[in-house]
Amino acid sequence: MASVDGDWDVTIKSPMGDQKAVLTVNSDGGSFSGKMAGGLGSMDIPSGTVDGNTISWSMDMTVPMPMKLDCTATVDGDAISGEVKAGAFGSMGLTGTRK
């Protein structure tokens, strides 16, 4: 099992082009808290889940429009990959590396 903790430089492949952000993960057993901060602002992650080397969380985005984002990512060493589900926009890829 890989450690999921840390700061991750991530890129989300969105319909508005690549969105770069820093994902911060602080785990505590089967849960984590953190933050996603980038060009579209900063969103707190008050409660996410940890299952082995996979993390899942939801965020409420307000810019450029309000919507809920459901996210899942898997850690492999210092790499992270997954998807962000954004309602009618479908799924967007998420990739990144630990800082």
PDB file of N, CA and C in Angstrom:
ATOM      1  N   MET A   1       0.838  -1.178   0.000  1.00  0.00           N
ATOM      2  CA  MET A   1       0.000   0.000   0.000  1.00  0.00           C
ATOM      3  C   MET A   1       0.880   1.237   0.000  1.00  0.00           C
ATOM      4  N   ALA A   2       0.618   2.139  -0.919  1.00  0.00           N
ATOM      5  CA  ALA A   2       1.375   3.385  -1.021  1.00  0.00           C
ATOM      6  C   ALA A   2       0.791   4.431  -0.084  1.00  0.00           C
ATOM      7  N   SER A   3       1.636   5.305   0.427  1.00  0.00           N
ATOM      8  CA  SER A   3       1.157   6.436   1.212  1.00  0.00           C
ATOM      9  C   SER A   3       0.439   7.404   0.274  1.00  0.00           C
ATOM     10  N   VAL A   4      -0.746   7.850   0.673  1.00  0.00           N
ATOM     11  CA  VAL A   4      -1.505   8.797  -0.149  1.00  0.00           C
ATOM     12  C   VAL A   4      -1.261  10.235   0.280  1.00  0.00           C
ATOM     13  N   ASP A   5      -0.579  10.428   1.420  1.00  0.00           N
ATOM     14  CA  ASP A   5      -0.369  11.768   1.962  1.00  0.00           C
ATOM     15  C   ASP A   5       0.593  12.586   1.123  1.00  0.00           C
ATOM     16  N   GLY A   6       0.392  13.890   1.179  1.00  0.00           N
ATOM     17  CA  GLY A   6       1.320  14.803   0.550  1.00  0.00           C
ATOM     18  C   GLY A   6       0.632  15.850  -0.290  1.00  0.00           C
ATOM     19  N   ASP A   7       1.462  16.633  -0.945  1.00  0.00           N
ATOM     20  CA  ASP A   7       1.008  17.638  -1.903  1.00  0.00           C
ATOM     21  C   ASP A   7       1.275  17.092  -3.292  1.00  0.00           C
ATOM     22  N   TRP A   8       0.258  17.114  -4.134  1.00  0.00           N
ATOM     23  CA  TRP A   8       0.314  16.542  -5.469  1.00  0.00           C
ATOM     24  C   TRP A   8       0.089  17.630  -6.509  1.00  0.00           C
ATOM     25  N   ASP A   9       1.013  17.780  -7.469  1.00  0.00           N
ATOM     26  CA  ASP A   9       0.783  18.638  -8.630  1.00  0.00           C
ATOM     27  C   ASP A   9      -0.079  17.834  -9.590  1.00  0.00           C
ATOM     28  N   VAL A  10      -1.328  18.269  -9.813  1.00  0.00           N
ATOM     29  CA  VAL A  10      -2.245  17.510 -10.652  1.00  0.00           C
ATOM     30  C   VAL A  10      -2.720  18.339 -11.840  1.00  0.00           C
ATOM     31  N   THR A  11      -3.109  17.636 -12.890  1.00  0.00           N
ATOM     32  CA  THR A  11      -3.722  18.240 -14.071  1.00  0.00           C
ATOM     33  C   THR A  11      -5.034  17.511 -14.326  1.00  0.00           C
ATOM     34  N   ILE A  12      -6.101  18.306 -14.491  1.00  0.00           N
ATOM     35  CA  ILE A  12      -7.409  17.757 -14.827  1.00  0.00           C
ATOM     36  C   ILE A  12      -7.700  18.143 -16.270  1.00  0.00           C
ATOM     37  N   LYS A  13      -8.019  17.144 -17.095  1.00  0.00           N
ATOM     38  CA  LYS A  13      -8.331  17.361 -18.515  1.00  0.00           C
ATOM     39  C   LYS A  13      -9.801  17.778 -18.615  1.00  0.00           C
ATOM     40  N   SER A  14     -10.074  19.086 -18.553  1.00  0.00           N
ATOM     41  CA  SER A  14     -11.452  19.573 -18.544  1.00  0.00           C
ATOM     42  C   SER A  14     -11.856  20.110 -19.921  1.00  0.00           C
ATOM     43  N   PRO A  15     -13.163  20.316 -20.144  1.00  0.00           N
ATOM     44  CA  PRO A  15     -13.619  20.911 -21.401  1.00  0.00           C
ATOM     45  C   PRO A  15     -13.082  22.329 -21.609  1.00  0.00           C
ATOM     46  N   MET A  16     -12.624  22.973 -20.528  1.00  0.00           N
ATOM     47  CA  MET A  16     -12.052  24.321 -20.609  1.00  0.00           C
ATOM     48  C   MET A  16     -10.541  24.276 -20.778  1.00  0.00           C
ATOM     49  N   GLY A  17      -9.989  23.119 -21.103  1.00  0.00           N
ATOM     50  CA  GLY A  17      -8.542  22.956 -21.229  1.00  0.00           C
ATOM     51  C   GLY A  17      -7.963  22.375 -19.955  1.00  0.00           C
ATOM     52  N   ASP A  18      -6.675  22.120 -19.968  1.00  0.00           N
ATOM     53  CA  ASP A  18      -5.998  21.543 -18.808  1.00  0.00           C
ATOM     54  C   ASP A  18      -6.073  22.500 -17.621  1.00  0.00           C
ATOM     55  N   GLN A  19      -6.554  21.981 -16.485  1.00  0.00           N
ATOM     56  CA  GLN A  19      -6.631  22.749 -15.253  1.00  0.00           C
ATOM     57  C   GLN A  19      -5.585  22.208 -14.288  1.00  0.00           C
ATOM     58  N   LYS A  20      -4.623  23.040 -13.935  1.00  0.00           N
ATOM     59  CA  LYS A  20      -3.545  22.638 -13.026  1.00  0.00           C
ATOM     60  C   LYS A  20      -3.910  23.059 -11.607  1.00  0.00           C
ATOM     61  N   ALA A  21      -3.583  22.192 -10.662  1.00  0.00           N
ATOM     62  CA  ALA A  21      -3.903  22.460  -9.261  1.00  0.00           C
ATOM     63  C   ALA A  21      -2.935  21.704  -8.368  1.00  0.00           C
ATOM     64  N   VAL A  22      -2.970  22.033  -7.097  1.00  0.00           N
ATOM     65  CA  VAL A  22      -2.244  21.285  -6.074  1.00  0.00           C
ATOM     66  C   VAL A  22      -3.292  20.633  -5.184  1.00  0.00           C
ATOM     67  N   LEU A  23      -3.228  19.309  -5.083  1.00  0.00           N
ATOM     68  CA  LEU A  23      -4.100  18.523  -4.225  1.00  0.00           C
ATOM     69  C   LEU A  23      -3.310  18.179  -2.968  1.00  0.00           C
ATOM     70  N   THR A  24      -3.834  18.573  -1.814  1.00  0.00           N
ATOM     71  CA  THR A  24      -3.206  18.270  -0.530  1.00  0.00           C
ATOM     72  C   THR A  24      -4.025  17.198   0.169  1.00  0.00           C
ATOM     73  N   VAL A  25      -3.357  16.115   0.578  1.00  0.00           N
ATOM     74  CA  VAL A  25      -4.028  14.984   1.226  1.00  0.00           C
ATOM     75  C   VAL A  25      -3.360  14.733   2.581  1.00  0.00           C
ATOM     76  N   ASN A  26      -4.171  14.731   3.639  1.00  0.00           N
ATOM     77  CA  ASN A  26      -3.723  14.404   4.998  1.00  0.00           C
ATOM     78  C   ASN A  26      -4.607  13.280   5.505  1.00  0.00           C
ATOM     79  N   SER A  27      -4.105  12.032   5.424  1.00  0.00           N
ATOM     80  CA  SER A  27      -4.948  10.887   5.775  1.00  0.00           C
ATOM     81  C   SER A  27      -4.868  10.555   7.258  1.00  0.00           C
ATOM     82  N   ASP A  28      -5.919   9.861   7.706  1.00  0.00           N
ATOM     83  CA  ASP A  28      -6.012   9.378   9.079  1.00  0.00           C
ATOM     84  C   ASP A  28      -6.780   8.064   9.022  1.00  0.00           C
ATOM     85  N   GLY A  29      -6.078   6.980   8.746  1.00  0.00           N
ATOM     86  CA  GLY A  29      -6.742   5.682   8.605  1.00  0.00           C
ATOM     87  C   GLY A  29      -7.543   5.617   7.322  1.00  0.00           C
ATOM     88  N   GLY A  30      -8.855   5.407   7.442  1.00  0.00           N
ATOM     89  CA  GLY A  30      -9.710   5.254   6.275  1.00  0.00           C
ATOM     90  C   GLY A  30     -10.312   6.543   5.756  1.00  0.00           C
ATOM     91  N   SER A  31      -9.833   7.689   6.265  1.00  0.00           N
ATOM     92  CA  SER A  31     -10.361   8.971   5.802  1.00  0.00           C
ATOM     93  C   SER A  31      -9.222   9.961   5.581  1.00  0.00           C
ATOM     94  N   PHE A  32      -9.545  11.073   4.932  1.00  0.00           N
ATOM     95  CA  PHE A  32      -8.568  12.146   4.765  1.00  0.00           C
ATOM     96  C   PHE A  32      -9.282  13.483   4.664  1.00  0.00           C
ATOM     97  N   SER A  33      -8.521  14.532   4.929  1.00  0.00           N
ATOM     98  CA  SER A  33      -8.968  15.895   4.676  1.00  0.00           C
ATOM     99  C   SER A  33      -7.897  16.550   3.824  1.00  0.00           C
ATOM    100  N   GLY A  34      -8.247  17.655   3.205  1.00  0.00           N
ATOM    101  CA  GLY A  34      -7.264  18.314   2.368  1.00  0.00           C
ATOM    102  C   GLY A  34      -7.826  19.509   1.640  1.00  0.00           C
ATOM    103  N   LYS A  35      -7.196  19.810   0.484  1.00  0.00           N
ATOM    104  CA  LYS A  35      -7.555  20.990  -0.284  1.00  0.00           C
ATOM    105  C   LYS A  35      -7.147  20.773  -1.729  1.00  0.00           C
ATOM    106  N   MET A  36      -7.895  21.384  -2.636  1.00  0.00           N
ATOM    107  CA  MET A  36      -7.528  21.428  -4.054  1.00  0.00           C
ATOM    108  C   MET A  36      -7.459  22.907  -4.404  1.00  0.00           C
ATOM    109  N   ALA A  37      -6.284  23.389  -4.797  1.00  0.00           N
ATOM    110  CA  ALA A  37      -6.098  24.807  -5.101  1.00  0.00           C
ATOM    111  C   ALA A  37      -5.448  24.966  -6.463  1.00  0.00           C
ATOM    112  N   GLY A  38      -6.045  25.823  -7.288  1.00  0.00           N
ATOM    113  CA  GLY A  38      -5.503  26.055  -8.623  1.00  0.00           C
ATOM    114  C   GLY A  38      -6.097  27.289  -9.251  1.00  0.00           C
ATOM    115  N   GLY A  39      -6.056  27.335 -10.574  1.00  0.00           N
ATOM    116  CA  GLY A  39      -6.501  28.494 -11.329  1.00  0.00           C
ATOM    117  C   GLY A  39      -7.967  28.830 -11.150  1.00  0.00           C
ATOM    118  N   LEU A  40      -8.791  27.844 -10.801  1.00  0.00           N
ATOM    119  CA  LEU A  40     -10.215  28.102 -10.600  1.00  0.00           C
ATOM    120  C   LEU A  40     -10.564  28.333  -9.138  1.00  0.00           C
ATOM    121  N   GLY A  41      -9.552  28.554  -8.309  1.00  0.00           N
ATOM    122  CA  GLY A  41      -9.789  28.824  -6.900  1.00  0.00           C
ATOM    123  C   GLY A  41      -9.342  27.690  -6.013  1.00  0.00           C
ATOM    124  N   SER A  42      -9.729  27.799  -4.749  1.00  0.00           N
ATOM    125  CA  SER A  42      -9.335  26.830  -3.735  1.00  0.00           C
ATOM    126  C   SER A  42     -10.589  26.213  -3.118  1.00  0.00           C
ATOM    127  N   MET A  43     -10.607  24.879  -3.030  1.00  0.00           N
ATOM    128  CA  MET A  43     -11.748  24.174  -2.454  1.00  0.00           C
ATOM    129  C   MET A  43     -11.259  23.255  -1.351  1.00  0.00           C
ATOM    130  N   ASP A  44     -11.859  23.371  -0.169  1.00  0.00           N
ATOM    131  CA  ASP A  44     -11.531  22.475   0.932  1.00  0.00           C
ATOM    132  C   ASP A  44     -12.146  21.102   0.688  1.00  0.00           C
ATOM    133  N   ILE A  45     -11.442  20.089   1.147  1.00  0.00           N
ATOM    134  CA  ILE A  45     -11.955  18.722   1.142  1.00  0.00           C
ATOM    135  C   ILE A  45     -12.062  18.329   2.612  1.00  0.00           C
ATOM    136  N   PRO A  46     -13.245  18.543   3.211  1.00  0.00           N
ATOM    137  CA  PRO A  46     -13.366  18.263   4.650  1.00  0.00           C
ATOM    138  C   PRO A  46     -13.369  16.781   4.982  1.00  0.00           C
ATOM    139  N   SER A  47     -13.812  15.945   4.029  1.00  0.00           N
ATOM    140  CA  SER A  47     -13.893  14.522   4.327  1.00  0.00           C
ATOM    141  C   SER A  47     -13.823  13.702   3.046  1.00  0.00           C
ATOM    142  N   GLY A  48     -12.787  12.902   2.940  1.00  0.00           N
ATOM    143  CA  GLY A  48     -12.634  11.962   1.835  1.00  0.00           C
ATOM    144  C   GLY A  48     -12.384  10.581   2.405  1.00  0.00           C
ATOM    145  N   THR A  49     -12.394   9.571   1.540  1.00  0.00           N
ATOM    146  CA  THR A  49     -12.145   8.213   2.016  1.00  0.00           C
ATOM    147  C   THR A  49     -10.840   7.686   1.435  1.00  0.00           C
ATOM    148  N   VAL A  50     -10.208   6.795   2.174  1.00  0.00           N
ATOM    149  CA  VAL A  50      -8.986   6.118   1.759  1.00  0.00           C
ATOM    150  C   VAL A  50      -9.267   4.623   1.798  1.00  0.00           C
ATOM    151  N   ASP A  51      -9.035   3.956   0.662  1.00  0.00           N
ATOM    152  CA  ASP A  51      -9.197   2.504   0.577  1.00  0.00           C
ATOM    153  C   ASP A  51      -7.923   1.956  -0.053  1.00  0.00           C
ATOM    154  N   GLY A  52      -6.979   1.524   0.788  1.00  0.00           N
ATOM    155  CA  GLY A  52      -5.673   1.090   0.276  1.00  0.00           C
ATOM    156  C   GLY A  52      -4.932   2.282  -0.307  1.00  0.00           C
ATOM    157  N   ASN A  53      -4.665   2.241  -1.617  1.00  0.00           N
ATOM    158  CA  ASN A  53      -3.964   3.353  -2.264  1.00  0.00           C
ATOM    159  C   ASN A  53      -4.908   4.185  -3.141  1.00  0.00           C
ATOM    160  N   THR A  54      -6.229   4.066  -2.885  1.00  0.00           N
ATOM    161  CA  THR A  54      -7.222   4.825  -3.645  1.00  0.00           C
ATOM    162  C   THR A  54      -7.935   5.804  -2.718  1.00  0.00           C
ATOM    163  N   ILE A  55      -8.061   7.054  -3.183  1.00  0.00           N
ATOM    164  CA  ILE A  55      -8.773   8.078  -2.424  1.00  0.00           C
ATOM    165  C   ILE A  55     -10.000   8.524  -3.225  1.00  0.00           C
ATOM    166  N   SER A  56     -11.056   8.875  -2.511  1.00  0.00           N
ATOM    167  CA  SER A  56     -12.289   9.366  -3.133  1.00  0.00           C
ATOM    168  C   SER A  56     -12.788  10.559  -2.333  1.00  0.00           C
ATOM    169  N   TRP A  57     -13.304  11.568  -3.044  1.00  0.00           N
ATOM    170  CA  TRP A  57     -13.810  12.753  -2.379  1.00  0.00           C
ATOM    171  C   TRP A  57     -14.770  13.497  -3.296  1.00  0.00           C
ATOM    172  N   SER A  58     -15.529  14.411  -2.718  1.00  0.00           N
ATOM    173  CA  SER A  58     -16.428  15.289  -3.466  1.00  0.00           C
ATOM    174  C   SER A  58     -16.100  16.729  -3.126  1.00  0.00           C
ATOM    175  N   MET A  59     -16.311  17.603  -4.100  1.00  0.00           N
ATOM    176  CA  MET A  59     -16.094  19.041  -3.901  1.00  0.00           C
ATOM    177  C   MET A  59     -17.238  19.790  -4.564  1.00  0.00           C
ATOM    178  N   ASP A  60     -17.600  20.932  -3.987  1.00  0.00           N
ATOM    179  CA  ASP A  60     -18.591  21.810  -4.593  1.00  0.00           C
ATOM    180  C   ASP A  60     -17.861  22.946  -5.286  1.00  0.00           C
ATOM    181  N   MET A  61     -17.884  22.938  -6.617  1.00  0.00           N
ATOM    182  CA  MET A  61     -17.227  23.966  -7.422  1.00  0.00           C
ATOM    183  C   MET A  61     -18.205  25.125  -7.611  1.00  0.00           C
ATOM    184  N   THR A  62     -17.709  26.359  -7.608  1.00  0.00           N
ATOM    185  CA  THR A  62     -18.556  27.526  -7.846  1.00  0.00           C
ATOM    186  C   THR A  62     -18.165  28.285  -9.110  1.00  0.00           C
ATOM    187  N   VAL A  63     -16.923  28.147  -9.556  1.00  0.00           N
ATOM    188  CA  VAL A  63     -16.430  28.868 -10.734  1.00  0.00           C
ATOM    189  C   VAL A  63     -16.034  27.851 -11.787  1.00  0.00           C
ATOM    190  N   PRO A  64     -16.373  27.970 -13.049  1.00  0.00           N
ATOM    191  CA  PRO A  64     -17.164  29.051 -13.648  1.00  0.00           C
ATOM    192  C   PRO A  64     -18.661  28.880 -13.442  1.00  0.00           C
ATOM    193  N   MET A  65     -19.117  27.734 -12.904  1.00  0.00           N
ATOM    194  CA  MET A  65     -20.532  27.533 -12.597  1.00  0.00           C
ATOM    195  C   MET A  65     -20.640  26.562 -11.439  1.00  0.00           C
ATOM    196  N   PRO A  66     -21.719  26.661 -10.659  1.00  0.00           N
ATOM    197  CA  PRO A  66     -21.867  25.741  -9.533  1.00  0.00           C
ATOM    198  C   PRO A  66     -22.104  24.303 -10.002  1.00  0.00           C
ATOM    199  N   MET A  67     -21.362  23.380  -9.429  1.00  0.00           N
ATOM    200  CA  MET A  67     -21.600  21.948  -9.667  1.00  0.00           C
ATOM    201  C   MET A  67     -20.808  21.133  -8.660  1.00  0.00           C
ATOM    202  N   LYS A  68     -21.263  19.914  -8.448  1.00  0.00           N
ATOM    203  CA  LYS A  68     -20.573  18.984  -7.558  1.00  0.00           C
ATOM    204  C   LYS A  68     -19.610  18.146  -8.378  1.00  0.00           C
ATOM    205  N   LEU A  69     -18.403  17.992  -7.884  1.00  0.00           N
ATOM    206  CA  LEU A  69     -17.383  17.157  -8.509  1.00  0.00           C
ATOM    207  C   LEU A  69     -17.162  15.923  -7.640  1.00  0.00           C
ATOM    208  N   ASP A  70     -17.259  14.742  -8.237  1.00  0.00           N
ATOM    209  CA  ASP A  70     -16.962  13.489  -7.542  1.00  0.00           C
ATOM    210  C   ASP A  70     -15.646  12.954  -8.090  1.00  0.00           C
ATOM    211  N   CYS A  71     -14.674  12.777  -7.208  1.00  0.00           N
ATOM    212  CA  CYS A  71     -13.306  12.474  -7.624  1.00  0.00           C
ATOM    213  C   CYS A  71     -12.825  11.154  -7.020  1.00  0.00           C
ATOM    214  N   THR A  72     -12.043  10.416  -7.818  1.00  0.00           N
ATOM    215  CA  THR A  72     -11.389   9.192  -7.365  1.00  0.00           C
ATOM    216  C   THR A  72      -9.996   9.161  -7.975  1.00  0.00           C
ATOM    217  N   ALA A  73      -8.992   8.812  -7.174  1.00  0.00           N
ATOM    218  CA  ALA A  73      -7.624   8.740  -7.686  1.00  0.00           C
ATOM    219  C   ALA A  73      -6.872   7.620  -6.978  1.00  0.00           C
ATOM    220  N   THR A  74      -5.949   7.013  -7.714  1.00  0.00           N
ATOM    221  CA  THR A  74      -5.123   5.933  -7.183  1.00  0.00           C
ATOM    222  C   THR A  74      -3.666   6.362  -7.190  1.00  0.00           C
ATOM    223  N   VAL A  75      -2.994   6.097  -6.074  1.00  0.00           N
ATOM    224  CA  VAL A  75      -1.584   6.442  -5.907  1.00  0.00           C
ATOM    225  C   VAL A  75      -0.724   5.236  -6.245  1.00  0.00           C
ATOM    226  N   ASP A  76       0.317   5.465  -7.061  1.00  0.00           N
ATOM    227  CA  ASP A  76       1.299   4.438  -7.405  1.00  0.00           C
ATOM    228  C   ASP A  76       2.672   5.068  -7.228  1.00  0.00           C
ATOM    229  N   GLY A  77       3.259   4.876  -6.037  1.00  0.00           N
ATOM    230  CA  GLY A  77       4.539   5.524  -5.735  1.00  0.00           C
ATOM    231  C   GLY A  77       4.337   7.023  -5.619  1.00  0.00           C
ATOM    232  N   ASP A  78       5.029   7.789  -6.489  1.00  0.00           N
ATOM    233  CA  ASP A  78       4.882   9.244  -6.493  1.00  0.00           C
ATOM    234  C   ASP A  78       4.027   9.727  -7.648  1.00  0.00           C
ATOM    235  N   ALA A  79       3.209   8.842  -8.228  1.00  0.00           N
ATOM    236  CA  ALA A  79       2.283   9.203  -9.304  1.00  0.00           C
ATOM    237  C   ALA A  79       0.849   8.997  -8.818  1.00  0.00           C
ATOM    238  N   ILE A  80      -0.052   9.823  -9.338  1.00  0.00           N
ATOM    239  CA  ILE A  80      -1.461   9.710  -9.015  1.00  0.00           C
ATOM    240  C   ILE A  80      -2.251   9.822 -10.313  1.00  0.00           C
ATOM    241  N   SER A  81      -3.305   9.022 -10.434  1.00  0.00           N
ATOM    242  CA  SER A  81      -4.161   9.107 -11.619  1.00  0.00           C
ATOM    243  C   SER A  81      -5.580   8.739 -11.226  1.00  0.00           C
ATOM    244  N   GLY A  82      -6.532   9.302 -11.940  1.00  0.00           N
ATOM    245  CA  GLY A  82      -7.922   9.018 -11.633  1.00  0.00           C
ATOM    246  C   GLY A  82      -8.861   9.796 -12.512  1.00  0.00           C
ATOM    247  N   GLU A  83     -10.056  10.087 -11.968  1.00  0.00           N
ATOM    248  CA  GLU A  83     -11.049  10.809 -12.745  1.00  0.00           C
ATOM    249  C   GLU A  83     -11.846  11.742 -11.852  1.00  0.00           C
ATOM    250  N   VAL A  84     -12.350  12.780 -12.506  1.00  0.00           N
ATOM    251  CA  VAL A  84     -13.235  13.750 -11.875  1.00  0.00           C
ATOM    252  C   VAL A  84     -14.544  13.696 -12.642  1.00  0.00           C
ATOM    253  N   LYS A  85     -15.633  13.353 -11.957  1.00  0.00           N
ATOM    254  CA  LYS A  85     -16.952  13.309 -12.592  1.00  0.00           C
ATOM    255  C   LYS A  85     -17.645  14.636 -12.315  1.00  0.00           C
ATOM    256  N   ALA A  86     -18.087  15.276 -13.402  1.00  0.00           N
ATOM    257  CA  ALA A  86     -18.666  16.617 -13.301  1.00  0.00           C
ATOM    258  C   ALA A  86     -20.039  16.671 -13.954  1.00  0.00           C
ATOM    259  N   GLY A  87     -20.989  15.949 -13.396  1.00  0.00           N
ATOM    260  CA  GLY A  87     -22.365  15.995 -13.871  1.00  0.00           C
ATOM    261  C   GLY A  87     -22.484  15.803 -15.369  1.00  0.00           C
ATOM    262  N   ALA A  88     -23.150  16.742 -16.047  1.00  0.00           N
ATOM    263  CA  ALA A  88     -23.403  16.669 -17.487  1.00  0.00           C
ATOM    264  C   ALA A  88     -22.123  16.717 -18.312  1.00  0.00           C
ATOM    265  N   PHE A  89     -21.026  17.187 -17.727  1.00  0.00           N
ATOM    266  CA  PHE A  89     -19.753  17.251 -18.451  1.00  0.00           C
ATOM    267  C   PHE A  89     -19.067  15.894 -18.512  1.00  0.00           C
ATOM    268  N   GLY A  90     -19.565  14.916 -17.764  1.00  0.00           N
ATOM    269  CA  GLY A  90     -18.981  13.580 -17.792  1.00  0.00           C
ATOM    270  C   GLY A  90     -17.718  13.480 -16.961  1.00  0.00           C
ATOM    271  N   SER A  91     -16.879  12.521 -17.312  1.00  0.00           N
ATOM    272  CA  SER A  91     -15.640  12.248 -16.580  1.00  0.00           C
ATOM    273  C   SER A  91     -14.449  12.923 -17.243  1.00  0.00           C
ATOM    274  N   MET A  92     -13.575  13.454 -16.411  1.00  0.00           N
ATOM    275  CA  MET A  92     -12.344  14.092 -16.875  1.00  0.00           C
ATOM    276  C   MET A  92     -11.176  13.395 -16.208  1.00  0.00           C
ATOM    277  N   GLY A  93     -10.101  13.174 -16.940  1.00  0.00           N
ATOM    278  CA  GLY A  93      -8.921  12.529 -16.399  1.00  0.00           C
ATOM    279  C   GLY A  93      -8.164  13.423 -15.431  1.00  0.00           C
ATOM    280  N   LEU A  94      -7.565  12.815 -14.415  1.00  0.00           N
ATOM    281  CA  LEU A  94      -6.727  13.493 -13.445  1.00  0.00           C
ATOM    282  C   LEU A  94      -5.414  12.738 -13.369  1.00  0.00           C
ATOM    283  N   THR A  95      -4.306  13.434 -13.544  1.00  0.00           N
ATOM    284  CA  THR A  95      -2.977  12.828 -13.421  1.00  0.00           C
ATOM    285  C   THR A  95      -2.081  13.788 -12.636  1.00  0.00           C
ATOM    286  N   GLY A  96      -1.019  13.241 -12.045  1.00  0.00           N
ATOM    287  CA  GLY A  96      -0.117  14.119 -11.325  1.00  0.00           C
ATOM    288  C   GLY A  96       1.029  13.385 -10.660  1.00  0.00           C
ATOM    289  N   THR A  97       1.860  14.185  -9.984  1.00  0.00           N
ATOM    290  CA  THR A  97       3.015  13.664  -9.252  1.00  0.00           C
ATOM    291  C   THR A  97       3.113  14.331  -7.889  1.00  0.00           C
ATOM    292  N   ARG A  98       3.694  13.590  -6.950  1.00  0.00           N
ATOM    293  CA  ARG A  98       3.906  14.139  -5.601  1.00  0.00           C
ATOM    294  C   ARG A  98       5.007  15.183  -5.666  1.00  0.00           C
ATOM    295  N   LYS A  99       4.817  16.253  -4.929  1.00  0.00           N
ATOM    296  CA  LYS A  99       5.825  17.337  -4.857  1.00  0.00           C
ATOM    297  C   LYS A  99       7.003  16.911  -4.022  1.00  0.00           C
TER     298      LYS A  99
END
